[in-house]
Amino acid sequence: MVLRSGCKFGPVLVWFRLGYVVLLWLCVTHLRCARAETKTVVQKDAEFDVTYNDTVTSDNQTIYAFNHTVSRNKTEGIRVTVDVLSVGAESSPILFVVRQKQAVLSFQVPLILRGLYQRKYPYAHVGRTLCQPPTRSLTETQYFFVDVSTLSSLGTHYQLRISRVDSFTLHTDKKFSFTASPSQPQYFKYVFPDGVDTVIVKVNSEMTFPCSVMSIQDIQCPVYDLDNNVAFIGMYQTMTKTAAITVQRKDFPSNSFYVVVVVKTEDEACGGPLRFYPLRPDELIDAGNRSKTLDVVVSPAISSDVYVMGMLFCLGIFLSFYLLTFLVACVENKRMHRRREGLLNPADMSPAETGKPGVTPVSPYEYGSFVDNASTLSSEAITDSIASDANYRYMGQETLKRRPFLTAIHHVAIRIERSLESVAGRSRQESLSSIEEDDYDTLADIDSDKNIVRTKKYLCVSDLARKDKRVLSKKYQIYFWNIVTIGVFYALPVIQLVITYQTVVNVTGNQDICYYNFLCAHPLGNLSAFNNILSNLGYVMLGLLFLLIVLQRDIIHSRALDRNDLNALECGIPKHFGLFYAMGTALMMEGLLSACYHVCPNYTNFQFDTSFMYMIAGLCVLKLYQKRHPDINASAYTAYACLAAVIFFSVLGVVFGKGNMVFWIVFSVLHILATMLLSTQLYYMGRWRLNSGILRRIVYVIYTDCIRQCSGPMYIDRMVLLVMGNIVNWSLAAYGLLKTPNDFASYLLAIAICNLLLYFAFYIIMKLRSGERIQCMAMVCILFTAVVWGFALFFFFQGLSTWQKTPAESREHNRDCIVLSFFDDHDIWHFLSSIAMFGSFLVLLTMDDDLDNVQRDKIFVF
């Protein structure tokens, strides 16, 4: 019975126990709710400019109610300042929530801001400016509430103060000073005045550190004014001592904007030292005093009239070179016309033949018959003519210029002499036809074998100008067509890339991407620095002008060849214009790519600005060498392949060269090896081979020329040039290895320019040493170019920005505009360097004009 009874009441006991647990849970929940309902909420009517000292716990919450009158025509800033006075509040911070009509601002105190590698910096003193909701009424009373709460059961003591910001609105051209810190950012409002569409906002400080950020944001809530969110909207840039942002009215529909200044928690972004890494990941680091005193001023930017004046000034400078070239061409054409008239009407003939006193006319028909009949003179007359010509050669150039008719006779005499030599040569060969080869060796190879010709101790241009002129002209025209092809394929992706850069800058607002001179960066459309782009117009216009000058000379020379002019055929430096066309095209491409670089200048696209500088330096060296070595100059394919290798190393240097000793060792070794190989190529005129027997031949030469007998170099002039060149290049290689400069592209360009200047100086010295002279036009170009280069380099080394440093450090070098309030020092460098390059090209074009009437076997090779 007992067992049956236990089984009967078992389920009842289970349900009884379950009900007891549920009842107990309901009681506990009720007690908790009752305890929560006992939390005290206190609302206080508060006033401005009063400091409230209070304590908050998890059991109480305090609400401060404020009201103020808002005017549509007047904007006042409201500042919330909070201090936590209790120690150890980091574990249970106080939460402050400011509820406004159209905005909510919340922050905790102590405020924890994160730095690099998640470092944590606590700030017990916090100050924030409230965002001002817009009002449509003339005046309106607005309310806002400050809720103070915490989850800490212990009491936390704090101070709260709400105050008005009297200088919340900035005025044009009026400087305002203030203090900011990471936990106390500042921002101010600026309204565009009537008639002003563009302003430049400048923030300056005498303190380099702490690093700070200036931001331009639209009038909207919330305002992003902390280090961890200031980059979310608007335009911003880091700064140490200087920051400047150009703001346009069209970008802000409300015709007003906020100027926000935030001090960063760390200085690494501005190039400052990086703090130590904490031993524990959650360890809080004392940031110390990071307050910074700054001043802000908003000034009107330039008007549209200044843009027009700047463009007209730029066009006027370079169009004046077109006008000057046209005038010189007219004067030269008139001078040639007078020479032609003097040739047809010589002044030293008898008056009876001219019909005028003291003038003897000769008709073109008579002159032509004289030239044709001269070739049919008897052998006695030929001998007399040659004797007369021998005496005639002693006449100076000035006499020939004053007596054009004698020049014609001189040309005829030379033709007769050469025809006589050819007849004599044929008769000699016929007279020796019966002699056996074993008895007499004519050594015919001495005039045709290039190994014999090019190893002569004293070379003339005629020795290195034996190839067919048409073949050489086509060979050198390849330089022009290749550089046009290279330019097209290089420029198109560059243009696409810089447009992308500019788009990224405009969309993100991150102005640290591009290294402008922000104090003189005038926007136009989507371009941030139009003046830096416009100033590159000179390279394009002067490059085109140089092409036109070369084209004119090419046409004149082609016409002279068509009429078998003796001077064009056998006198002067052989004229091949392909390299000149390539130089003019390279100058135009330099202008285009420099403009692309200045769309958004930074270290990743600096190669756009330097690639065609390498091209220009290389082409100038090749042109100097081609002048007296036309047959053995490098082909276009070899030359451009070498320049491509230079650009390849430039890219490697920019990417991997900064502080990488392995790269510098490899580059220095390759630089020295290339210098030695090129020296050998130039010394032996290409008559050597790089193969497995090179070491054996080097040892043999050292043994025979240095040990067995001490003999000097056969080609002393060439040896002097190459020794100087090796000294310069070895010194540059040593400098790069020891100093490892950060700007590898400029270092590489310096190597190219030093070699070009060395070769040019050697060419001028050897030209004068050989008894040649420099004509007036070439001398004027040399002096003018040297002066312009001096001024250009002065402006270049002003250094308005540098991407070798951080963007904030680069802005310390920014300067105001110096010409027409539109162009800065770097723009002047563009103007002067384009003029100097144009002048340098003219020097190369005209420096050997004095040899146009000199036979090539009288022009020395050096």
Foldseek 3Di string as FASTA:
>chain_A
DVVVVCVVCVVVVVVVVVVVVVVVVVVVVVVVVVQQVQQAEEEEADDAPDKDKDKAAQRYKYKYKYKDKDFQVDDKKKKKKKAWDDPPCPVKWKKKWKDWDPAIDIATAQGWDADPPRATATHRIAMDIAADDHDPDRMDMIMMMIMIHIHHRDIIIMMIHMHIDPPQEADAQDKDKDKAAQRYKDKHKYADDPPFFKKKKKKFFPFQDDKKKKFKAARDPDQPAHPVCNLVDGAMEIARGMDMDMDGQVVYPVRMIMIIMHGDLHRVLFVDDDDDDDPDSPDYDHSPDRMGMMMMHMYGADDVVLVVVLLCVLVVVLVVVVVVVVVVVVVVVVLVVVLVVCQQKPQCDCCVQCVDHSIHGDDPVNVVVVLVCLLVDDPVVLVVLLVVLVVVVPDDPVVCSNRVNVVVSNVSNVVSVVVVVVVVVVVVCVVCVVPDCVVDPPPPCCQPPLLNLLPDLWHFLVSQPPDDPVVLLVQLLVLQVVLVVVLVVVLVVLLVVLVVVLVCCVVSSYLLQFQDLSQFADDDDSFGRVLQLSLLVLLQSLLVVQLVVLVVVVVVLVVCVVVPPVLSPFWFFPDHCSLSSSLSVLSNSLSSLSSSCNSGPALQSVLSNQLSLLVNLLSLVLLLQCRRNVNLGDTSVVSVVVSVVLSVLLNCCSVPLQVDLVSLVVVLVVLLVVLVVVLVCVLSVNPDDPDPCPVVVVVVCCCVCPPVHPDDDSHVLSVVLSVVLSVVSNVLSVCCNVVSDNNVSVSSSVNSVVNSVSVVVSSVVVCVVLVHDFDPVLVVLVVVLVVLVVLLVVLVVLQCADNVGRSNVRNVSRDFDDPSSNHRSVSSSSNSVSVSSSSVSVNSVRRRVSTSPPGRSSHTRD
